[in-house]
N, C-alpha and C. Protein backbone atom coordinates (compact mmCIF):
# COMPACT_ATOMS: atom_id res chain seq x y z
N MET A 1 149.06 68.08 176.74
CA MET A 1 149.49 68.38 178.11
C MET A 1 148.41 69.22 178.78
N ARG A 2 148.21 68.94 180.03
CA ARG A 2 147.22 69.69 180.81
C ARG A 2 147.78 71.03 181.24
N VAL A 3 146.96 72.04 181.13
CA VAL A 3 147.31 73.38 181.63
C VAL A 3 146.26 73.75 182.67
N THR A 4 146.76 74.09 183.87
CA THR A 4 145.90 74.49 184.96
C THR A 4 146.03 75.98 185.17
N GLU A 5 144.89 76.61 185.49
CA GLU A 5 144.92 78.05 185.79
C GLU A 5 144.62 78.23 187.28
N ARG A 6 145.44 79.09 187.86
CA ARG A 6 145.27 79.40 189.31
C ARG A 6 145.53 80.85 189.51
N PRO A 7 144.94 81.44 190.57
CA PRO A 7 145.35 82.84 190.90
C PRO A 7 146.78 82.87 191.40
N PHE A 8 147.47 83.94 191.14
CA PHE A 8 148.86 84.08 191.59
C PHE A 8 149.00 83.84 193.08
N SER A 9 148.01 84.25 193.85
CA SER A 9 148.08 84.12 195.30
C SER A 9 148.19 82.66 195.75
N ASP A 10 147.71 81.71 194.89
CA ASP A 10 147.86 80.28 195.25
C ASP A 10 149.33 79.88 195.32
N LEU A 11 150.15 80.47 194.47
CA LEU A 11 151.58 80.15 194.57
C LEU A 11 152.18 80.61 195.87
N LEU A 12 151.72 81.76 196.36
CA LEU A 12 152.23 82.23 197.64
C LEU A 12 151.68 81.50 198.81
N ARG A 13 150.41 81.11 198.75
CA ARG A 13 149.77 80.47 199.88
C ARG A 13 149.99 78.93 199.92
N HIS A 14 150.06 78.31 198.74
CA HIS A 14 150.15 76.86 198.64
C HIS A 14 151.23 76.44 197.63
N PRO A 15 152.48 76.80 197.84
CA PRO A 15 153.49 76.55 196.83
C PRO A 15 153.69 75.07 196.54
N LYS A 16 153.57 74.21 197.53
CA LYS A 16 153.74 72.75 197.29
C LYS A 16 152.63 72.22 196.40
N ASP A 17 151.40 72.65 196.59
CA ASP A 17 150.30 72.21 195.72
C ASP A 17 150.53 72.65 194.26
N VAL A 18 151.00 73.88 194.11
CA VAL A 18 151.28 74.38 192.77
C VAL A 18 152.43 73.59 192.13
N ALA A 19 153.43 73.29 192.92
CA ALA A 19 154.58 72.51 192.40
C ALA A 19 154.13 71.11 191.95
N ILE A 20 153.24 70.52 192.69
CA ILE A 20 152.72 69.20 192.28
C ILE A 20 151.97 69.27 190.94
N GLU A 21 151.18 70.38 190.78
CA GLU A 21 150.49 70.58 189.49
C GLU A 21 151.43 70.80 188.35
N VAL A 22 152.57 71.49 188.60
CA VAL A 22 153.58 71.75 187.58
C VAL A 22 154.17 70.41 187.10
N ASP A 23 154.30 69.44 187.96
CA ASP A 23 154.77 68.13 187.55
C ASP A 23 153.82 67.46 186.56
N GLU A 24 152.54 67.76 186.67
CA GLU A 24 151.54 67.14 185.83
C GLU A 24 151.31 67.92 184.54
N GLY A 25 151.62 69.18 184.54
CA GLY A 25 151.42 70.07 183.36
C GLY A 25 151.72 71.50 183.73
N ASP A 26 151.64 72.38 182.75
CA ASP A 26 151.96 73.79 183.02
C ASP A 26 150.85 74.41 183.87
N VAL A 27 151.21 75.43 184.64
CA VAL A 27 150.28 76.18 185.47
C VAL A 27 150.35 77.64 185.06
N VAL A 28 149.19 78.19 184.71
CA VAL A 28 149.10 79.62 184.39
C VAL A 28 148.62 80.33 185.64
N LEU A 29 149.43 81.28 186.11
CA LEU A 29 149.09 82.06 187.27
C LEU A 29 148.50 83.38 186.80
N ARG A 30 147.23 83.57 187.12
CA ARG A 30 146.50 84.80 186.73
C ARG A 30 146.83 85.92 187.72
N ARG A 31 147.21 87.09 187.13
CA ARG A 31 147.54 88.23 187.96
C ARG A 31 146.61 89.38 187.61
N ARG A 32 146.26 90.17 188.59
CA ARG A 32 145.42 91.34 188.33
C ARG A 32 146.29 92.46 187.82
N ASP A 33 145.89 93.06 186.71
CA ASP A 33 146.52 94.24 186.10
C ASP A 33 147.97 93.98 185.69
N GLU A 34 148.34 92.74 185.52
CA GLU A 34 149.69 92.38 185.01
C GLU A 34 149.54 91.17 184.12
N PRO A 35 150.49 90.99 183.20
CA PRO A 35 150.41 89.75 182.38
C PRO A 35 150.47 88.49 183.25
N ASP A 36 149.80 87.47 182.83
CA ASP A 36 149.84 86.20 183.54
C ASP A 36 151.20 85.57 183.46
N LEU A 37 151.51 84.67 184.39
CA LEU A 37 152.75 83.93 184.39
C LEU A 37 152.46 82.48 184.07
N ARG A 38 153.41 81.82 183.41
CA ARG A 38 153.25 80.40 183.10
C ARG A 38 154.40 79.65 183.74
N LEU A 39 154.08 78.69 184.60
CA LEU A 39 155.09 77.88 185.24
C LEU A 39 155.16 76.52 184.50
N THR A 40 156.38 76.13 184.19
CA THR A 40 156.57 74.86 183.54
C THR A 40 157.88 74.29 184.03
N ARG A 41 158.03 72.99 183.90
CA ARG A 41 159.29 72.35 184.27
C ARG A 41 160.32 72.68 183.20
N ALA A 42 161.60 72.80 183.63
CA ALA A 42 162.65 73.15 182.69
C ALA A 42 162.83 72.12 181.59
N ASP A 43 162.70 70.84 181.92
CA ASP A 43 162.87 69.79 180.90
C ASP A 43 161.80 69.89 179.83
N ARG A 44 160.58 70.22 180.29
CA ARG A 44 159.49 70.39 179.34
C ARG A 44 159.71 71.57 178.42
N GLU A 45 160.23 72.66 178.93
CA GLU A 45 160.51 73.84 178.11
C GLU A 45 161.67 73.56 177.15
N THR A 46 162.67 72.81 177.56
CA THR A 46 163.78 72.43 176.69
C THR A 46 163.25 71.59 175.52
N GLU A 47 162.37 70.68 175.78
CA GLU A 47 161.76 69.87 174.70
C GLU A 47 160.95 70.74 173.79
N ARG A 48 160.19 71.69 174.33
CA ARG A 48 159.39 72.61 173.51
C ARG A 48 160.26 73.43 172.59
N ALA A 49 161.36 73.96 173.15
CA ALA A 49 162.26 74.79 172.35
C ALA A 49 162.92 73.96 171.25
N ALA A 50 163.32 72.71 171.56
CA ALA A 50 163.90 71.85 170.51
C ALA A 50 162.91 71.54 169.40
N ALA A 51 161.63 71.35 169.79
CA ALA A 51 160.60 71.05 168.76
C ALA A 51 160.38 72.29 167.88
N PHE A 52 160.34 73.50 168.47
CA PHE A 52 160.15 74.68 167.65
C PHE A 52 161.34 74.92 166.73
N ALA A 53 162.53 74.63 167.20
CA ALA A 53 163.73 74.79 166.36
C ALA A 53 163.63 73.85 165.19
N ALA A 54 163.19 72.61 165.42
CA ALA A 54 163.04 71.64 164.31
C ALA A 54 161.98 72.12 163.33
N PHE A 55 160.88 72.67 163.83
CA PHE A 55 159.84 73.18 162.93
C PHE A 55 160.36 74.36 162.14
N GLY A 56 161.11 75.22 162.77
CA GLY A 56 161.68 76.36 162.06
C GLY A 56 162.61 75.96 160.92
N ARG A 57 163.48 74.99 161.24
CA ARG A 57 164.39 74.47 160.17
C ARG A 57 163.63 73.80 159.05
N THR A 58 162.59 73.07 159.41
CA THR A 58 161.75 72.40 158.42
C THR A 58 161.06 73.42 157.49
N LEU A 59 160.49 74.45 158.06
CA LEU A 59 159.87 75.48 157.28
C LEU A 59 160.88 76.16 156.30
N ARG A 60 162.05 76.41 156.86
CA ARG A 60 163.09 77.06 156.04
C ARG A 60 163.49 76.15 154.88
N ASN A 61 163.67 74.86 155.16
CA ASN A 61 164.03 73.92 154.09
C ASN A 61 162.91 73.81 153.07
N LEU A 62 161.67 73.83 153.51
CA LEU A 62 160.55 73.78 152.56
C LEU A 62 160.52 75.02 151.69
N ALA A 63 160.82 76.19 152.30
CA ALA A 63 160.86 77.43 151.51
C ALA A 63 161.95 77.39 150.45
N VAL A 64 163.06 76.78 150.75
CA VAL A 64 164.17 76.69 149.79
C VAL A 64 163.86 75.67 148.69
N HIS A 65 163.34 74.49 149.06
CA HIS A 65 163.16 73.41 148.14
C HIS A 65 161.81 73.37 147.45
N ASN A 66 160.81 73.93 148.05
CA ASN A 66 159.47 73.93 147.44
C ASN A 66 158.67 75.11 147.97
N PRO A 67 159.08 76.34 147.48
CA PRO A 67 158.44 77.55 147.98
C PRO A 67 156.95 77.59 147.64
N ARG A 68 156.58 77.00 146.51
CA ARG A 68 155.15 77.04 146.13
C ARG A 68 154.30 76.26 147.15
N ALA A 69 154.79 75.06 147.60
CA ALA A 69 154.06 74.29 148.59
C ALA A 69 153.91 75.07 149.89
N LEU A 70 155.01 75.70 150.34
CA LEU A 70 154.96 76.49 151.55
C LEU A 70 154.00 77.68 151.38
N GLY A 71 154.08 78.33 150.19
CA GLY A 71 153.14 79.44 149.93
C GLY A 71 151.69 79.02 149.99
N ASP A 72 151.40 77.82 149.42
CA ASP A 72 150.04 77.29 149.48
C ASP A 72 149.63 77.02 150.91
N ALA A 73 150.52 76.41 151.68
CA ALA A 73 150.21 76.07 153.08
C ALA A 73 149.99 77.35 153.87
N LEU A 74 150.83 78.37 153.68
CA LEU A 74 150.67 79.62 154.42
C LEU A 74 149.39 80.35 153.96
N GLY A 75 149.04 80.22 152.70
CA GLY A 75 147.79 80.80 152.22
C GLY A 75 146.58 80.19 152.91
N ASP A 76 146.65 78.87 153.20
CA ASP A 76 145.58 78.21 153.92
C ASP A 76 145.56 78.70 155.42
N ALA A 77 146.75 78.89 155.97
CA ALA A 77 146.85 79.30 157.37
C ALA A 77 146.49 80.74 157.58
N PHE A 78 146.82 81.58 156.58
CA PHE A 78 146.56 83.02 156.66
C PHE A 78 145.78 83.46 155.43
N PRO A 79 144.45 83.33 155.47
CA PRO A 79 143.64 83.64 154.26
C PRO A 79 143.80 85.07 153.73
N TRP A 80 144.22 86.00 154.59
CA TRP A 80 144.39 87.36 154.16
C TRP A 80 145.54 87.50 153.15
N LEU A 81 146.37 86.52 152.99
CA LEU A 81 147.48 86.60 151.98
C LEU A 81 146.90 86.79 150.57
N GLU A 82 145.63 86.41 150.41
CA GLU A 82 144.97 86.56 149.10
C GLU A 82 144.98 87.99 148.60
N PHE A 83 145.02 88.95 149.55
CA PHE A 83 144.98 90.34 149.15
C PHE A 83 146.36 90.93 148.81
N LEU A 84 147.39 90.22 149.06
CA LEU A 84 148.75 90.72 148.76
C LEU A 84 149.03 90.49 147.28
N PRO A 85 149.69 91.45 146.65
CA PRO A 85 150.14 91.23 145.27
C PRO A 85 151.15 90.08 145.24
N GLY A 86 151.29 89.42 144.12
CA GLY A 86 152.15 88.24 143.98
C GLY A 86 153.53 88.43 144.59
N ALA A 87 154.19 89.54 144.23
CA ALA A 87 155.56 89.78 144.74
C ALA A 87 155.56 89.91 146.25
N ASP A 88 154.56 90.56 146.80
CA ASP A 88 154.51 90.68 148.27
C ASP A 88 154.23 89.33 148.93
N ARG A 89 153.39 88.54 148.28
CA ARG A 89 153.11 87.22 148.85
C ARG A 89 154.35 86.35 148.89
N ARG A 90 155.13 86.40 147.79
CA ARG A 90 156.40 85.63 147.77
C ARG A 90 157.37 86.16 148.83
N SER A 91 157.38 87.48 149.04
CA SER A 91 158.24 88.10 150.05
C SER A 91 157.81 87.63 151.43
N PHE A 92 156.53 87.56 151.67
CA PHE A 92 156.04 87.06 152.97
C PHE A 92 156.46 85.63 153.22
N VAL A 93 156.31 84.76 152.23
CA VAL A 93 156.71 83.36 152.37
C VAL A 93 158.18 83.24 152.70
N GLU A 94 159.02 83.99 151.99
CA GLU A 94 160.45 83.95 152.23
C GLU A 94 160.80 84.48 153.61
N GLU A 95 160.23 85.67 153.94
CA GLU A 95 160.50 86.25 155.28
C GLU A 95 159.97 85.41 156.39
N PHE A 96 158.78 84.84 156.20
CA PHE A 96 158.21 83.95 157.24
C PHE A 96 159.13 82.80 157.56
N SER A 97 159.64 82.16 156.52
CA SER A 97 160.53 80.99 156.75
C SER A 97 161.82 81.40 157.44
N ARG A 98 162.38 82.52 157.02
CA ARG A 98 163.65 82.99 157.63
C ARG A 98 163.46 83.36 159.11
N VAL A 99 162.39 84.13 159.37
CA VAL A 99 162.15 84.58 160.72
C VAL A 99 161.73 83.40 161.64
N ALA A 100 160.99 82.48 161.09
CA ALA A 100 160.60 81.27 161.89
C ALA A 100 161.87 80.52 162.31
N ALA A 101 162.79 80.31 161.40
CA ALA A 101 164.00 79.58 161.72
C ALA A 101 164.87 80.38 162.70
N ALA A 102 164.99 81.67 162.49
CA ALA A 102 165.79 82.50 163.40
C ALA A 102 165.16 82.59 164.78
N ALA A 103 163.87 82.78 164.83
CA ALA A 103 163.17 82.89 166.14
C ALA A 103 163.28 81.59 166.92
N ALA A 104 163.16 80.48 166.22
CA ALA A 104 163.27 79.19 166.88
C ALA A 104 164.68 78.97 167.38
N ASP A 105 165.66 79.38 166.61
CA ASP A 105 167.07 79.20 167.00
C ASP A 105 167.39 80.02 168.25
N LEU A 106 166.79 81.19 168.38
CA LEU A 106 167.02 82.05 169.52
C LEU A 106 166.00 81.82 170.63
N ASP A 107 164.98 80.97 170.38
CA ASP A 107 163.91 80.71 171.36
C ASP A 107 163.26 81.99 171.77
N THR A 108 162.90 82.85 170.81
CA THR A 108 162.20 84.09 171.08
C THR A 108 161.18 84.28 169.94
N TYR A 109 159.92 84.43 170.26
CA TYR A 109 158.88 84.40 169.23
C TYR A 109 158.20 85.71 168.98
N GLY A 110 158.59 86.74 169.64
CA GLY A 110 158.06 88.07 169.42
C GLY A 110 158.21 88.50 167.95
N PRO A 111 159.39 88.27 167.34
CA PRO A 111 159.52 88.65 165.94
C PRO A 111 158.54 87.96 165.01
N MET A 112 158.12 86.73 165.33
CA MET A 112 157.15 86.07 164.45
C MET A 112 155.78 86.74 164.56
N SER A 113 155.39 87.12 165.78
CA SER A 113 154.12 87.82 165.98
C SER A 113 154.17 89.17 165.25
N GLN A 114 155.26 89.88 165.35
CA GLN A 114 155.42 91.17 164.72
C GLN A 114 155.35 91.02 163.17
N LEU A 115 156.02 90.03 162.63
CA LEU A 115 155.99 89.79 161.20
C LEU A 115 154.58 89.54 160.70
N VAL A 116 153.87 88.68 161.34
CA VAL A 116 152.48 88.37 160.92
C VAL A 116 151.61 89.61 161.08
N ARG A 117 151.74 90.36 162.17
CA ARG A 117 150.93 91.53 162.41
C ARG A 117 151.20 92.59 161.29
N GLU A 118 152.45 92.78 160.95
CA GLU A 118 152.80 93.79 159.92
C GLU A 118 152.29 93.38 158.53
N TRP A 119 152.51 92.11 158.15
CA TRP A 119 152.05 91.66 156.85
C TRP A 119 150.49 91.69 156.77
N ARG A 120 149.86 91.36 157.87
CA ARG A 120 148.39 91.40 157.87
C ARG A 120 147.91 92.83 157.64
N ALA A 121 148.58 93.81 158.28
CA ALA A 121 148.22 95.23 158.09
C ALA A 121 148.40 95.65 156.61
N THR A 122 149.47 95.12 156.01
CA THR A 122 149.73 95.38 154.60
C THR A 122 148.60 94.80 153.75
N ALA A 123 148.15 93.60 154.08
CA ALA A 123 147.07 92.98 153.32
C ALA A 123 145.77 93.77 153.46
N GLU A 124 145.54 94.32 154.69
CA GLU A 124 144.34 95.12 154.89
C GLU A 124 144.36 96.36 154.04
N ILE A 125 145.52 96.94 153.84
CA ILE A 125 145.66 98.13 152.98
C ILE A 125 145.33 97.74 151.54
N HIS A 126 145.91 96.64 151.07
CA HIS A 126 145.62 96.21 149.69
C HIS A 126 144.16 95.80 149.53
N ALA A 127 143.51 95.34 150.56
CA ALA A 127 142.11 94.90 150.45
C ALA A 127 141.16 96.11 150.40
N ASP A 128 141.61 97.28 150.79
CA ASP A 128 140.79 98.44 150.81
C ASP A 128 141.31 99.51 149.88
N PRO A 129 140.90 99.57 148.63
CA PRO A 129 141.46 100.49 147.62
C PRO A 129 141.41 101.97 148.05
N LYS A 130 140.33 102.37 148.76
CA LYS A 130 140.26 103.75 149.26
C LYS A 130 141.40 104.04 150.24
N LEU A 131 141.61 103.12 151.17
CA LEU A 131 142.67 103.30 152.14
C LEU A 131 144.04 103.32 151.45
N ALA A 132 144.24 102.43 150.51
CA ALA A 132 145.48 102.37 149.77
C ALA A 132 145.76 103.69 149.05
N ARG A 133 144.69 104.28 148.40
CA ARG A 133 144.87 105.56 147.73
C ARG A 133 145.22 106.65 148.71
N ARG A 134 144.54 106.68 149.88
CA ARG A 134 144.82 107.69 150.89
C ARG A 134 146.28 107.57 151.39
N LEU A 135 146.74 106.39 151.58
CA LEU A 135 148.11 106.21 152.11
C LEU A 135 149.17 106.54 151.04
N ARG A 136 148.81 106.49 149.78
CA ARG A 136 149.80 106.83 148.75
C ARG A 136 149.93 108.33 148.53
N ARG A 137 148.97 109.11 149.02
CA ARG A 137 149.05 110.56 148.87
C ARG A 137 150.14 111.15 149.74
N PRO A 138 150.74 112.20 149.30
CA PRO A 138 151.76 112.87 150.11
C PRO A 138 151.07 113.40 151.37
N THR A 139 151.83 113.41 152.45
CA THR A 139 151.30 113.93 153.69
C THR A 139 151.84 115.35 153.92
N ASP A 140 151.10 116.12 154.57
CA ASP A 140 151.53 117.48 154.91
C ASP A 140 152.07 117.47 156.34
N ALA A 141 153.38 117.26 156.45
CA ALA A 141 153.98 117.18 157.78
C ALA A 141 155.38 117.83 157.73
N ALA A 142 155.83 118.21 158.90
CA ALA A 142 157.14 118.79 159.03
C ALA A 142 158.22 117.70 158.89
N GLY A 143 159.36 118.07 158.39
CA GLY A 143 160.46 117.08 158.28
C GLY A 143 160.75 116.71 156.85
N GLY A 144 161.81 116.01 156.66
CA GLY A 144 162.25 115.60 155.33
C GLY A 144 161.59 114.33 154.90
N ARG A 145 161.92 113.94 153.69
CA ARG A 145 161.42 112.68 153.13
C ARG A 145 162.01 111.50 153.87
N VAL A 146 161.26 110.45 154.03
CA VAL A 146 161.69 109.25 154.66
C VAL A 146 162.12 108.26 153.55
N ALA A 147 163.31 107.74 153.65
CA ALA A 147 163.80 106.83 152.65
C ALA A 147 163.04 105.49 152.72
N LEU A 148 162.93 104.84 151.61
CA LEU A 148 162.31 103.49 151.56
C LEU A 148 163.19 102.56 152.34
N PRO A 149 162.55 101.58 152.99
CA PRO A 149 163.40 100.62 153.76
C PRO A 149 164.27 99.81 152.79
N ALA A 150 165.45 99.44 153.26
CA ALA A 150 166.35 98.66 152.48
C ALA A 150 165.85 97.22 152.41
N ALA A 151 166.08 96.57 151.35
CA ALA A 151 165.58 95.16 151.18
C ALA A 151 166.33 94.21 152.03
């Protein structure tokens, strides 16, 4: 699908032209000092959401029926998984499949980005032994102990 980029002001000055372009593909409206906007037709977005939901369910089924294959595929997609210990790598594969299915079902993908960002940071720590040792040391800070996160 074609994606056209236009300044936001084009929508205000030439809304019919922008609407014609939206019929042909998505239009990204560039804004100064604000996140860009993406215009798409509702039917196209419905199809996109249905496709992502199907992908999410497929990943989850693969994780249940063949976790090793999904682990290998995710290892190819995210080379930094190599630095995670085996148990953490298996946890990532399981969590990735669950969050992908849930995010697709809700049609919200921020949790997927957060999951990948957090696991990547964990891999960076494991890849740098000096950093890992520094982070394992007790910190000198006010307040009580923080409990480990629940599984």
